N, C-alpha and C. Protein backbone atom coordinates (compact mmCIF):
# COMPACT_ATOMS: atom_id res chain seq x y z
N MET A 1 173.29 43.23 -5.68
CA MET A 1 174.00 41.99 -5.87
C MET A 1 173.15 40.83 -5.36
N GLN A 2 172.92 39.82 -6.21
CA GLN A 2 172.12 38.67 -5.81
C GLN A 2 173.03 37.58 -5.26
N LEU A 3 172.60 36.98 -4.17
CA LEU A 3 173.35 35.87 -3.60
C LEU A 3 173.15 34.63 -4.47
N THR A 4 174.25 34.00 -4.88
CA THR A 4 174.17 32.88 -5.80
C THR A 4 173.62 31.60 -5.18
N HIS A 5 173.64 31.50 -3.86
CA HIS A 5 173.14 30.29 -3.21
C HIS A 5 171.67 30.39 -2.83
N LEU A 6 170.98 31.39 -3.36
CA LEU A 6 169.54 31.53 -3.14
C LEU A 6 168.84 31.56 -4.48
N ASP A 7 167.71 30.84 -4.60
CA ASP A 7 166.94 30.90 -5.84
C ASP A 7 166.04 32.13 -5.82
N GLU A 8 165.18 32.25 -6.85
CA GLU A 8 164.31 33.43 -6.99
C GLU A 8 163.35 33.61 -5.82
N GLU A 9 162.99 32.49 -5.16
CA GLU A 9 162.09 32.55 -4.01
C GLU A 9 162.82 32.68 -2.69
N GLY A 10 164.14 32.76 -2.72
CA GLY A 10 164.91 32.89 -1.50
C GLY A 10 165.29 31.59 -0.82
N HIS A 11 165.08 30.46 -1.51
CA HIS A 11 165.43 29.16 -0.95
C HIS A 11 166.89 28.82 -1.27
N ALA A 12 167.51 28.11 -0.34
CA ALA A 12 168.91 27.71 -0.54
C ALA A 12 169.02 26.76 -1.72
N ARG A 13 170.10 26.89 -2.48
CA ARG A 13 170.35 26.00 -3.61
C ARG A 13 171.84 25.89 -3.86
N MET A 14 172.20 24.81 -4.47
CA MET A 14 173.58 24.63 -4.91
C MET A 14 173.67 25.26 -6.30
N VAL A 15 174.67 26.09 -6.52
CA VAL A 15 174.83 26.79 -7.79
C VAL A 15 175.15 25.78 -8.89
N ASP A 16 174.50 25.95 -10.04
CA ASP A 16 174.77 25.11 -11.21
C ASP A 16 176.00 25.66 -11.92
N VAL A 17 177.10 24.92 -11.87
CA VAL A 17 178.35 25.37 -12.50
C VAL A 17 178.62 24.61 -13.79
N GLY A 18 177.63 23.81 -14.24
CA GLY A 18 177.83 22.95 -15.40
C GLY A 18 178.25 23.67 -16.67
N GLY A 19 177.81 24.89 -16.88
CA GLY A 19 178.13 25.63 -18.10
C GLY A 19 179.43 26.42 -18.03
N LYS A 20 180.08 26.42 -16.88
CA LYS A 20 181.31 27.21 -16.72
C LYS A 20 182.51 26.44 -17.26
N PRO A 21 183.48 27.16 -17.80
CA PRO A 21 184.68 26.46 -18.30
C PRO A 21 185.60 26.05 -17.15
N ASP A 22 186.36 24.98 -17.37
CA ASP A 22 187.37 24.58 -16.41
C ASP A 22 188.54 25.57 -16.48
N THR A 23 188.97 26.07 -15.33
CA THR A 23 190.16 26.90 -15.24
C THR A 23 190.95 26.47 -14.02
N GLU A 24 192.24 26.83 -14.02
CA GLU A 24 193.03 26.56 -12.82
C GLU A 24 192.56 27.51 -11.73
N ARG A 25 192.28 26.97 -10.58
CA ARG A 25 191.79 27.74 -9.43
C ARG A 25 192.75 27.55 -8.28
N VAL A 26 193.07 28.66 -7.62
CA VAL A 26 193.96 28.62 -6.45
C VAL A 26 193.36 29.52 -5.38
N ALA A 27 193.41 29.07 -4.14
CA ALA A 27 192.99 29.91 -3.01
C ALA A 27 194.00 29.73 -1.88
N VAL A 28 194.27 30.85 -1.20
CA VAL A 28 195.16 30.84 -0.04
C VAL A 28 194.39 31.47 1.12
N ALA A 29 194.38 30.76 2.24
CA ALA A 29 193.73 31.26 3.46
C ALA A 29 194.74 31.22 4.60
N LYS A 30 194.51 32.06 5.58
CA LYS A 30 195.37 32.11 6.75
C LYS A 30 194.54 32.21 8.02
N GLY A 31 195.16 31.89 9.13
CA GLY A 31 194.56 32.02 10.45
C GLY A 31 195.65 31.98 11.49
N GLU A 32 195.29 32.27 12.72
CA GLU A 32 196.27 32.30 13.80
C GLU A 32 195.70 31.65 15.05
N ILE A 33 196.58 31.04 15.83
CA ILE A 33 196.21 30.57 17.15
C ILE A 33 197.24 31.12 18.13
N THR A 34 196.75 31.86 19.09
CA THR A 34 197.60 32.49 20.10
C THR A 34 197.57 31.64 21.36
N MET A 35 198.72 31.57 22.02
CA MET A 35 198.85 30.70 23.20
C MET A 35 199.89 31.26 24.14
N ARG A 36 200.05 30.61 25.27
CA ARG A 36 201.12 30.99 26.19
C ARG A 36 202.46 30.65 25.54
N SER A 37 203.47 31.39 25.88
CA SER A 37 204.80 31.14 25.30
C SER A 37 205.30 29.74 25.66
N GLU A 38 204.94 29.25 26.84
CA GLU A 38 205.35 27.90 27.25
C GLU A 38 204.72 26.83 26.35
N THR A 39 203.49 27.08 25.93
CA THR A 39 202.81 26.13 25.05
C THR A 39 203.47 26.12 23.68
N LEU A 40 203.78 27.29 23.16
CA LEU A 40 204.46 27.37 21.87
C LEU A 40 205.79 26.64 21.93
N ALA A 41 206.53 26.81 23.02
CA ALA A 41 207.81 26.12 23.17
C ALA A 41 207.62 24.61 23.19
N LEU A 42 206.60 24.13 23.89
CA LEU A 42 206.33 22.70 23.93
C LEU A 42 206.00 22.15 22.53
N ILE A 43 205.23 22.91 21.77
CA ILE A 43 204.90 22.48 20.41
C ILE A 43 206.18 22.39 19.57
N GLN A 44 207.01 23.40 19.66
CA GLN A 44 208.24 23.44 18.85
C GLN A 44 209.22 22.34 19.26
N GLU A 45 209.20 21.96 20.53
CA GLU A 45 210.10 20.91 21.03
C GLU A 45 209.47 19.52 20.94
N GLU A 46 208.25 19.44 20.36
CA GLU A 46 207.48 18.20 20.29
C GLU A 46 207.31 17.59 21.68
N GLY A 47 207.01 18.47 22.64
CA GLY A 47 206.85 18.04 24.02
C GLY A 47 205.41 17.90 24.48
N ILE A 48 204.46 18.00 23.56
CA ILE A 48 203.05 17.81 23.91
C ILE A 48 202.79 16.30 23.99
N PRO A 49 202.19 15.83 25.08
CA PRO A 49 202.01 14.39 25.26
C PRO A 49 201.26 13.67 24.13
N LYS A 50 200.39 14.37 23.41
CA LYS A 50 199.62 13.71 22.35
C LYS A 50 200.43 13.49 21.08
N GLY A 51 201.64 14.06 20.99
CA GLY A 51 202.47 13.81 19.80
C GLY A 51 202.88 15.08 19.09
N ASP A 52 203.32 14.92 17.85
CA ASP A 52 203.80 16.03 17.02
C ASP A 52 202.60 16.86 16.55
N VAL A 53 202.35 17.94 17.25
CA VAL A 53 201.16 18.76 17.03
C VAL A 53 201.06 19.26 15.60
N LEU A 54 202.14 19.80 15.07
CA LEU A 54 202.07 20.41 13.74
C LEU A 54 201.92 19.35 12.64
N ALA A 55 202.53 18.19 12.82
CA ALA A 55 202.36 17.12 11.82
C ALA A 55 200.91 16.65 11.79
N VAL A 56 200.32 16.48 12.96
CA VAL A 56 198.92 16.04 13.02
C VAL A 56 198.00 17.13 12.47
N ALA A 57 198.25 18.38 12.82
CA ALA A 57 197.43 19.49 12.34
C ALA A 57 197.55 19.64 10.82
N GLN A 58 198.73 19.37 10.28
CA GLN A 58 198.91 19.45 8.83
C GLN A 58 198.06 18.40 8.12
N VAL A 59 198.10 17.18 8.60
CA VAL A 59 197.29 16.12 8.00
C VAL A 59 195.79 16.43 8.16
N ALA A 60 195.41 16.92 9.33
CA ALA A 60 194.00 17.28 9.56
C ALA A 60 193.53 18.35 8.60
N GLY A 61 194.37 19.37 8.37
CA GLY A 61 194.00 20.43 7.44
C GLY A 61 193.85 19.92 6.01
N ILE A 62 194.75 19.04 5.59
CA ILE A 62 194.66 18.48 4.24
C ILE A 62 193.39 17.64 4.12
N MET A 63 193.14 16.80 5.10
CA MET A 63 191.92 15.98 5.07
C MET A 63 190.66 16.85 5.05
N ALA A 64 190.66 17.92 5.80
CA ALA A 64 189.50 18.80 5.86
C ALA A 64 189.24 19.46 4.51
N ALA A 65 190.29 19.90 3.84
CA ALA A 65 190.12 20.51 2.52
C ALA A 65 189.45 19.53 1.57
N LYS A 66 189.87 18.28 1.62
CA LYS A 66 189.33 17.26 0.73
C LYS A 66 187.88 16.91 1.03
N ARG A 67 187.43 17.21 2.25
CA ARG A 67 186.07 16.83 2.66
C ARG A 67 185.16 18.03 2.89
N THR A 68 185.56 19.18 2.42
CA THR A 68 184.78 20.41 2.66
C THR A 68 183.34 20.26 2.21
N HIS A 69 183.10 19.63 1.07
CA HIS A 69 181.73 19.48 0.57
C HIS A 69 180.85 18.66 1.51
N GLU A 70 181.45 17.89 2.41
CA GLU A 70 180.67 17.12 3.38
C GLU A 70 180.30 17.97 4.61
N LEU A 71 180.97 19.11 4.76
CA LEU A 71 180.76 19.97 5.93
C LEU A 71 179.96 21.22 5.61
N ILE A 72 180.18 21.78 4.43
CA ILE A 72 179.52 23.03 4.03
C ILE A 72 178.45 22.65 3.00
N PRO A 73 177.18 22.78 3.33
CA PRO A 73 176.12 22.20 2.51
C PRO A 73 176.10 22.57 1.03
N MET A 74 176.43 23.78 0.66
CA MET A 74 176.30 24.18 -0.75
C MET A 74 177.61 24.08 -1.53
N CYS A 75 178.65 23.51 -0.94
CA CYS A 75 179.92 23.34 -1.65
C CYS A 75 179.86 22.13 -2.57
N HIS A 76 180.48 22.27 -3.72
CA HIS A 76 180.57 21.16 -4.67
C HIS A 76 181.72 20.23 -4.28
N PRO A 77 181.57 18.93 -4.50
CA PRO A 77 182.72 18.04 -4.33
C PRO A 77 183.72 18.33 -5.44
N LEU A 78 184.97 18.53 -5.09
CA LEU A 78 185.98 18.92 -6.07
C LEU A 78 187.14 17.94 -6.08
N LEU A 79 187.73 17.77 -7.23
CA LEU A 79 188.96 17.00 -7.34
C LEU A 79 190.11 17.98 -7.14
N LEU A 80 190.68 17.97 -5.95
CA LEU A 80 191.76 18.90 -5.63
C LEU A 80 193.06 18.36 -6.21
N THR A 81 193.85 19.25 -6.79
CA THR A 81 195.12 18.84 -7.36
C THR A 81 196.29 19.11 -6.42
N HIS A 82 196.06 19.95 -5.40
CA HIS A 82 197.13 20.26 -4.46
C HIS A 82 196.52 20.87 -3.20
N VAL A 83 197.02 20.44 -2.05
CA VAL A 83 196.69 21.07 -0.77
C VAL A 83 197.98 21.15 0.04
N ALA A 84 198.31 22.34 0.50
CA ALA A 84 199.47 22.53 1.38
C ALA A 84 199.01 23.28 2.62
N VAL A 85 199.45 22.80 3.77
CA VAL A 85 199.17 23.48 5.04
C VAL A 85 200.52 23.73 5.70
N GLU A 86 200.79 25.01 5.96
CA GLU A 86 202.09 25.40 6.51
C GLU A 86 201.91 26.19 7.79
N PHE A 87 202.93 26.12 8.65
CA PHE A 87 202.88 26.78 9.95
C PHE A 87 204.07 27.71 10.11
N ALA A 88 203.80 28.89 10.66
CA ALA A 88 204.87 29.85 10.95
C ALA A 88 204.72 30.31 12.40
N PRO A 89 205.56 29.75 13.29
CA PRO A 89 205.52 30.22 14.68
C PRO A 89 206.07 31.64 14.79
N HIS A 90 205.41 32.46 15.57
CA HIS A 90 205.86 33.83 15.85
C HIS A 90 206.06 33.92 17.36
N GLU A 91 207.29 33.75 17.79
CA GLU A 91 207.58 33.70 19.22
C GLU A 91 207.29 35.01 19.93
N ALA A 92 207.55 36.14 19.28
CA ALA A 92 207.32 37.43 19.92
C ALA A 92 205.85 37.64 20.28
N GLU A 93 204.95 37.16 19.42
CA GLU A 93 203.51 37.30 19.68
C GLU A 93 202.93 36.05 20.33
N SER A 94 203.73 35.00 20.47
CA SER A 94 203.31 33.73 21.04
C SER A 94 202.12 33.16 20.28
N LEU A 95 202.30 33.02 18.96
CA LEU A 95 201.23 32.47 18.12
C LEU A 95 201.82 31.65 16.99
N ILE A 96 200.95 30.89 16.37
CA ILE A 96 201.30 30.16 15.16
C ILE A 96 200.37 30.64 14.06
N GLU A 97 200.94 31.05 12.95
CA GLU A 97 200.16 31.42 11.77
C GLU A 97 200.05 30.20 10.88
N ILE A 98 198.84 29.90 10.46
CA ILE A 98 198.57 28.76 9.61
C ILE A 98 198.21 29.29 8.23
N THR A 99 198.82 28.71 7.18
CA THR A 99 198.51 29.08 5.81
C THR A 99 198.15 27.82 5.04
N ALA A 100 197.02 27.86 4.34
CA ALA A 100 196.60 26.75 3.49
C ALA A 100 196.51 27.24 2.05
N THR A 101 197.08 26.48 1.14
CA THR A 101 196.99 26.74 -0.29
C THR A 101 196.32 25.54 -0.93
N VAL A 102 195.27 25.80 -1.69
CA VAL A 102 194.50 24.73 -2.33
C VAL A 102 194.39 25.05 -3.82
N LYS A 103 194.56 24.00 -4.65
CA LYS A 103 194.47 24.17 -6.11
C LYS A 103 193.57 23.09 -6.71
N THR A 104 192.96 23.46 -7.82
CA THR A 104 192.21 22.53 -8.65
C THR A 104 192.14 23.09 -10.05
N THR A 105 191.75 22.27 -10.99
CA THR A 105 191.34 22.73 -12.31
C THR A 105 189.89 22.31 -12.43
N GLY A 106 189.01 23.31 -12.48
CA GLY A 106 187.60 22.99 -12.47
C GLY A 106 186.72 24.18 -12.74
N LYS A 107 185.44 24.00 -12.43
CA LYS A 107 184.41 24.99 -12.74
C LYS A 107 184.08 25.92 -11.58
N THR A 108 184.61 25.63 -10.41
CA THR A 108 184.32 26.46 -9.24
C THR A 108 185.56 26.57 -8.36
N GLY A 109 185.61 27.62 -7.57
CA GLY A 109 186.79 27.94 -6.79
C GLY A 109 186.98 27.08 -5.56
N VAL A 110 188.13 27.26 -4.92
CA VAL A 110 188.53 26.45 -3.77
C VAL A 110 188.73 27.29 -2.51
N GLU A 111 188.05 28.43 -2.45
CA GLU A 111 188.17 29.28 -1.27
C GLU A 111 187.71 28.57 0.00
N MET A 112 186.56 27.90 -0.08
CA MET A 112 186.02 27.24 1.11
C MET A 112 186.94 26.10 1.56
N GLU A 113 187.58 25.43 0.62
CA GLU A 113 188.50 24.35 0.96
C GLU A 113 189.72 24.90 1.69
N ALA A 114 190.24 26.04 1.24
CA ALA A 114 191.40 26.65 1.92
C ALA A 114 191.01 27.13 3.31
N LEU A 115 189.86 27.77 3.44
CA LEU A 115 189.39 28.24 4.74
C LEU A 115 189.13 27.07 5.70
N THR A 116 188.55 26.01 5.20
CA THR A 116 188.28 24.83 6.03
C THR A 116 189.58 24.19 6.49
N ALA A 117 190.56 24.12 5.60
CA ALA A 117 191.86 23.55 5.97
C ALA A 117 192.48 24.34 7.12
N VAL A 118 192.45 25.66 7.04
CA VAL A 118 193.01 26.49 8.11
C VAL A 118 192.23 26.30 9.41
N ALA A 119 190.92 26.33 9.31
CA ALA A 119 190.09 26.20 10.53
C ALA A 119 190.34 24.86 11.23
N VAL A 120 190.36 23.78 10.48
CA VAL A 120 190.53 22.46 11.09
C VAL A 120 191.96 22.27 11.60
N ALA A 121 192.95 22.76 10.87
CA ALA A 121 194.33 22.67 11.36
C ALA A 121 194.47 23.43 12.68
N THR A 122 193.84 24.58 12.76
CA THR A 122 193.91 25.39 13.97
C THR A 122 193.16 24.71 15.12
N LEU A 123 192.00 24.16 14.83
CA LEU A 123 191.25 23.43 15.86
C LEU A 123 192.01 22.21 16.34
N THR A 124 192.76 21.58 15.45
CA THR A 124 193.56 20.42 15.84
C THR A 124 194.67 20.82 16.80
N ILE A 125 195.31 21.95 16.54
CA ILE A 125 196.32 22.46 17.47
C ILE A 125 195.68 22.69 18.84
N TYR A 126 194.52 23.34 18.83
CA TYR A 126 193.82 23.58 20.09
C TYR A 126 193.53 22.26 20.81
N ASP A 127 192.98 21.30 20.09
CA ASP A 127 192.62 20.01 20.70
C ASP A 127 193.83 19.32 21.30
N MET A 128 194.95 19.34 20.60
CA MET A 128 196.13 18.62 21.08
C MET A 128 196.81 19.32 22.26
N CYS A 129 196.57 20.62 22.40
CA CYS A 129 197.27 21.39 23.44
C CYS A 129 196.38 21.86 24.58
N LYS A 130 195.10 21.61 24.51
CA LYS A 130 194.18 22.16 25.52
C LYS A 130 194.48 21.68 26.93
N ALA A 131 195.09 20.53 27.07
CA ALA A 131 195.41 20.03 28.41
C ALA A 131 196.44 20.91 29.11
N VAL A 132 197.28 21.59 28.33
CA VAL A 132 198.31 22.44 28.94
C VAL A 132 198.00 23.93 28.82
N ASP A 133 196.99 24.29 27.98
CA ASP A 133 196.70 25.72 27.78
C ASP A 133 195.26 25.89 27.29
N ARG A 134 194.36 26.09 28.23
CA ARG A 134 192.95 26.31 27.86
C ARG A 134 192.68 27.74 27.40
N ALA A 135 193.65 28.62 27.54
CA ALA A 135 193.44 30.02 27.17
C ALA A 135 193.81 30.33 25.73
N MET A 136 194.16 29.33 24.94
CA MET A 136 194.47 29.59 23.52
C MET A 136 193.25 30.20 22.84
N HIS A 137 193.51 31.03 21.83
CA HIS A 137 192.38 31.52 21.06
C HIS A 137 192.75 31.62 19.58
N ILE A 138 191.72 31.33 18.78
CA ILE A 138 191.85 31.28 17.32
C ILE A 138 191.31 32.59 16.76
N THR A 139 192.09 33.20 15.87
CA THR A 139 191.68 34.48 15.28
C THR A 139 192.08 34.55 13.81
N ASN A 140 191.51 35.54 13.17
CA ASN A 140 191.93 35.97 11.83
C ASN A 140 191.88 34.89 10.76
N VAL A 141 190.94 33.96 10.84
CA VAL A 141 190.76 33.01 9.75
C VAL A 141 190.14 33.77 8.59
N ARG A 142 190.87 33.79 7.46
CA ARG A 142 190.43 34.63 6.35
C ARG A 142 191.02 34.17 5.04
N LEU A 143 190.36 34.53 3.94
CA LEU A 143 190.89 34.32 2.61
C LEU A 143 191.86 35.45 2.32
N VAL A 144 193.04 35.12 1.81
CA VAL A 144 194.01 36.18 1.50
C VAL A 144 194.28 36.31 0.00
N ARG A 145 193.96 35.25 -0.76
CA ARG A 145 194.19 35.33 -2.20
C ARG A 145 193.40 34.25 -2.91
N LYS A 146 192.91 34.57 -4.10
CA LYS A 146 192.28 33.58 -4.96
C LYS A 146 192.55 33.96 -6.40
N SER A 147 192.59 32.94 -7.25
CA SER A 147 192.74 33.20 -8.68
C SER A 147 191.99 32.14 -9.46
N GLY A 148 191.68 32.50 -10.70
CA GLY A 148 190.95 31.61 -11.59
C GLY A 148 189.50 31.99 -11.69
N GLY A 149 188.87 31.50 -12.74
CA GLY A 149 187.46 31.77 -12.93
C GLY A 149 187.19 33.17 -13.44
N LYS A 150 185.92 33.52 -13.44
CA LYS A 150 185.45 34.79 -13.99
C LYS A 150 186.03 36.00 -13.27
N SER A 151 186.20 35.91 -11.96
CA SER A 151 186.67 37.07 -11.21
C SER A 151 188.18 37.25 -11.25
N GLY A 152 188.90 36.28 -11.80
CA GLY A 152 190.35 36.42 -11.93
C GLY A 152 191.06 36.41 -10.60
N GLU A 153 192.12 37.20 -10.50
CA GLU A 153 192.91 37.22 -9.27
C GLU A 153 192.41 38.29 -8.31
N ILE A 154 192.25 37.87 -7.06
CA ILE A 154 191.85 38.78 -5.99
C ILE A 154 192.86 38.61 -4.86
N ILE A 155 193.47 39.72 -4.45
CA ILE A 155 194.44 39.71 -3.36
C ILE A 155 193.85 40.54 -2.22
N LEU A 156 193.70 39.93 -1.07
CA LEU A 156 193.05 40.59 0.06
C LEU A 156 194.03 40.89 1.19
N GLU A 157 195.28 40.54 1.05
CA GLU A 157 196.24 40.79 2.12
C GLU A 157 197.28 41.78 1.66
């Protein structure tokens, strides 16, 4: 299997997608941030001094998806048609699961945009809560589903 971001001499390159047809593309990524139960309660009660943690993290994730091409060197700038960032607190495990869904109609997929949205939303939660819980940890950032393009639908969860 040849890596598409390397040319024949092994140099990095942006893949030429000009000849590919436009298709609807969807990607879903997930991640988790684990914390002390007291921190999770503060987030849910909007008791963190910096403000509404999940609202800020949601906006940060959406903004990150839209700017992925500025962060990941070989990503194409894409016109995204939809970005959703959702949070599911799990009190028993003292964590928040973050899910990002990104859509476009275009020549290349939106997996990196979904992954970036999850990563930045999770980092935003960490940033807003670090004053009360430095032991938080981010895990399981991963692609769980994608559809569109030549490879069709792939379900990884």
